[in-house]
Structure formats: C-alpha cells, structure tokens
Protein backbone atom coordinates (compact mmCIF):
# COMPACT_ATOMS: atom_id res chain seq x y z
CA HIS A 1 -15.51 107.07 8.75
CA VAL A 2 -18.35 106.93 11.27
CA LEU A 3 -21.00 106.53 8.55
CA ALA A 4 -18.97 103.81 6.87
CA ASP A 5 -18.61 102.01 10.21
CA VAL A 6 -22.36 102.25 10.84
CA ALA A 7 -23.09 100.83 7.38
CA GLU A 8 -20.64 97.99 8.03
CA ILE A 9 -22.29 97.20 11.38
CA ARG A 10 -25.69 97.13 9.70
CA GLY A 11 -24.33 94.78 7.05
CA ILE A 12 -22.86 92.47 9.68
CA ALA A 13 -26.17 92.40 11.57
CA ALA A 14 -28.14 91.66 8.39
CA GLN A 15 -25.74 88.91 7.41
CA ALA A 16 -25.93 87.37 10.89
CA SER A 17 -29.70 87.10 10.58
CA ASP A 18 -29.41 85.53 7.09
CA PRO A 19 -25.89 84.09 6.57
CA ASP A 20 -26.61 83.10 2.96
CA ALA A 21 -27.37 86.73 2.04
CA GLY A 22 -25.15 89.76 2.20
CA SER A 23 -22.22 90.57 0.01
CA LEU A 24 -18.78 89.22 -0.71
CA ARG A 25 -16.08 91.37 -2.29
CA LEU A 26 -13.81 88.95 -4.13
CA GLY A 27 -10.67 89.80 -6.07
CA MET A 28 -8.68 87.67 -8.49
CA PHE A 29 -5.89 88.23 -10.94
CA PRO A 30 -6.89 88.78 -14.58
CA THR A 31 -5.02 85.79 -16.00
CA LEU A 32 -7.32 83.52 -13.95
CA GLY A 33 -10.68 85.30 -14.06
CA PRO A 34 -11.77 84.44 -17.61
CA TYR A 35 -11.04 80.76 -17.02
CA LEU A 36 -12.36 80.32 -13.45
CA LEU A 37 -15.37 82.65 -13.32
CA PRO A 38 -17.52 80.83 -15.90
CA HIS A 39 -17.27 77.72 -13.69
CA LEU A 40 -17.46 79.51 -10.34
CA MET A 41 -20.36 81.90 -10.88
CA PRO A 42 -23.14 79.39 -11.63
CA ALA A 43 -22.13 77.25 -8.64
CA VAL A 44 -22.07 80.26 -6.30
CA ALA A 45 -25.42 81.53 -7.63
CA ASP A 46 -27.00 78.10 -7.08
CA ALA A 47 -25.58 77.66 -3.58
CA PHE A 48 -26.12 81.26 -2.42
CA PRO A 49 -28.90 82.84 -4.51
CA ARG A 50 -29.22 85.90 -2.22
CA LEU A 51 -25.48 86.60 -2.07
CA GLN A 52 -24.31 89.77 -3.79
CA LEU A 53 -20.90 89.05 -5.25
CA LEU A 54 -18.65 91.97 -6.19
CA LEU A 55 -15.77 90.85 -8.42
CA VAL A 56 -12.53 92.76 -8.93
CA GLU A 57 -9.77 91.81 -11.36
CA GLU A 58 -6.39 93.30 -10.57
CA LYS A 59 -2.74 92.36 -10.31
CA THR A 60 -1.79 90.42 -7.19
CA GLU A 61 -0.02 93.28 -5.41
CA VAL A 62 -3.07 95.54 -5.85
CA LEU A 63 -5.43 92.80 -4.64
CA LEU A 64 -3.35 92.18 -1.52
CA ALA A 65 -3.28 95.91 -0.76
CA GLN A 66 -7.07 96.11 -1.16
CA LEU A 67 -7.47 93.08 1.11
CA GLU A 68 -5.26 94.68 3.75
CA GLU A 69 -7.23 97.94 3.52
CA GLY A 70 -10.53 96.08 3.94
CA GLU A 71 -11.74 96.94 0.44
CA LEU A 72 -11.94 93.22 -0.40
CA ASP A 73 -13.11 90.30 1.74
CA ALA A 74 -11.07 87.61 -0.02
CA VAL A 75 -8.74 87.20 -2.98
CA ILE A 76 -7.78 84.37 -5.30
CA VAL A 77 -4.09 84.70 -6.18
CA ALA A 78 -1.19 82.45 -7.10
CA GLN A 79 1.02 81.11 -4.37
CA PRO A 80 3.28 81.93 -2.69
CA VAL A 81 1.53 84.88 -1.04
CA ALA A 82 3.84 87.29 0.74
CA ALA A 83 1.43 89.08 3.07
CA GLU A 84 1.38 89.13 6.84
CA GLY A 85 -1.85 88.37 8.64
CA VAL A 86 -3.39 86.59 5.65
CA ASP A 87 -4.59 83.00 5.88
CA THR A 88 -4.26 80.95 2.71
CA ALA A 89 -5.79 77.72 1.44
CA PRO A 90 -4.94 76.06 -1.87
CA LEU A 91 -7.92 75.78 -4.24
CA PHE A 92 -6.29 73.84 -7.08
CA ARG A 93 -2.96 73.12 -8.72
CA GLU A 94 -2.15 73.85 -12.34
CA ASP A 95 0.76 72.62 -14.38
CA PHE A 96 2.97 75.13 -16.11
CA VAL A 97 2.45 74.60 -19.84
CA LEU A 98 3.95 75.94 -23.04
CA ALA A 99 1.76 76.94 -25.97
CA GLY A 100 3.32 77.17 -29.38
CA ALA A 101 2.88 76.77 -33.08
CA SER A 102 2.74 73.16 -34.22
CA SER A 103 5.62 73.95 -36.58
CA ASP A 104 7.89 74.85 -33.63
CA PRO A 105 10.37 71.99 -32.94
CA LEU A 106 9.71 72.37 -29.20
CA MET A 107 6.12 71.31 -29.74
CA GLU A 108 7.07 67.95 -31.27
CA GLY A 109 7.34 64.88 -29.11
CA GLY A 110 4.85 65.52 -26.30
CA ARG A 111 5.73 66.45 -22.73
CA LEU A 112 8.59 68.90 -22.19
CA ALA A 113 11.02 69.25 -19.33
CA SER A 114 11.92 72.79 -18.32
CA GLN A 115 15.49 72.17 -19.54
CA ASP A 116 14.09 71.75 -23.08
CA LEU A 117 13.54 75.53 -23.14
CA ALA A 118 17.31 76.27 -23.21
CA GLY A 119 18.06 78.80 -25.94
CA SER A 120 14.41 79.55 -26.65
CA GLU A 121 12.81 82.98 -26.79
CA LEU A 122 9.35 83.08 -25.19
CA LEU A 123 6.42 85.50 -25.36
CA LEU A 124 5.49 86.72 -21.87
CA LEU A 125 2.94 88.90 -20.13
CA THR A 126 3.77 92.52 -19.28
CA GLU A 127 5.41 93.66 -16.05
CA GLY A 128 3.49 93.17 -12.85
CA HIS A 129 1.76 89.87 -13.69
CA CYS A 130 2.70 87.08 -11.27
CA LEU A 131 2.61 84.56 -14.11
CA ARG A 132 5.26 86.61 -15.92
CA ASP A 133 7.49 86.48 -12.85
CA GLN A 134 7.02 82.72 -12.59
CA ALA A 135 7.79 82.26 -16.30
CA LEU A 136 10.90 84.44 -15.99
CA ASP A 137 12.11 82.26 -13.10
CA VAL A 138 11.77 79.19 -15.35
CA CYS A 139 13.55 81.02 -18.19
CA ARG A 140 16.46 82.10 -16.01
CA ALA A 141 16.87 78.64 -14.52
CA ASN A 142 16.95 77.05 -17.98
CA ARG A 143 18.85 79.54 -20.17
CA ALA A 144 15.74 80.64 -22.06
CA SER A 145 14.92 84.29 -22.58
CA GLU A 146 12.04 86.62 -23.26
CA GLY A 147 11.37 87.33 -26.91
CA GLY A 148 11.70 91.04 -27.59
CA HIS A 149 8.94 91.15 -30.20
CA TYR A 150 5.86 91.52 -28.08
CA ARG A 151 4.41 91.54 -24.57
CA ALA A 152 0.73 91.03 -23.84
CA THR A 153 -1.64 91.82 -21.00
CA SER A 154 -3.77 88.72 -21.54
CA LEU A 155 -3.09 85.01 -21.82
CA GLU A 156 -5.50 84.73 -24.73
CA THR A 157 -3.45 87.21 -26.76
CA LEU A 158 -0.28 85.28 -26.00
CA ARG A 159 -1.97 81.98 -26.85
CA HIS A 160 -3.11 83.25 -30.23
CA LEU A 161 0.28 84.82 -31.01
CA SER A 162 2.09 81.60 -30.08
CA LEU A 163 0.08 79.74 -32.70
CA ILE A 164 1.49 81.87 -35.53
CA HIS A 165 5.15 81.45 -34.50
CA ILE A 166 6.24 85.10 -34.47
C-alpha cells in the first residue's frame, strides 16, 4: 500500500506541474463504448495530446464499484446512478428506440408510443445490462414481454437479429 501511495503522490505532483499530461482512468458500459468512443477519442487526443487515457468497458455495477475503490477516476453510465458520494453531470440524452424488421407491423407508420408495444415479444440484452433493465421497465408498463428465443450481450447483435424478424 505504501508503494502504491508513493506512486500516486508522484503522479499527482507530475500532473500538477503539467495539468494536460498524466493519466485518466475512464470506465463506460459496453452498450455505449462502440458508439461514443470513435467520436470521443479524436477530440480528447487533440485537446490533450499528452494525456494517457485508460479505458475500461464493464457493466454499470462493476464500474461504480471500481470508482468507489479508486480503480477508476470517472465513469460514463446511464442515469439514474445509485451511488453515494458520486457527483453526476448529464452528457447527453438519447431517445429510447425500437429496431425491427421492416416487415414487422410495429415498424409501419413512423413514431411509436410505448403503449404500441402491448402484446409484443422483444429481444433484449442479457442480465446485468442497465439497458436491459430499462427495456424491461417499458415492457412491464406496457404489457410487452421478452422474447424467449435469444438474448445478446451486444446491441449490434440485437440490431442485426431484429432485422430478420426471428
């Protein structure tokens, strides 16, 4: 512990002398990383060329535990965040959207209301993904259910499966 503390003090001192350098340990959940990082990384590299950025993709509960333990400096997660002693700031807002095969009657007619999902079976992410929990809340509130055929660990897999109407 003493050696780790000494290394941390050295890092703080080095960063104080050159605030644009140093390192940042940033975590984000895997359903966001592939979509945000291609836009974020070039901007960060341009603004802070001497910054060493360590990226971690994990589920929200793991990221919050690593933040609490000091293993990460900051995390990007979906709100609401249930963690004491953590300051939050919204970065952006995203609409909840449904992807589906063009042959699916739900996909006809443009914008959907959540009530339009009544009686539908939806493909969802596996347990532990915050987006799954949010989707299940919408399903429960609108008499939709999870399709028993398949669960995925990535949004891209779900997106591609939704296009073939399984």
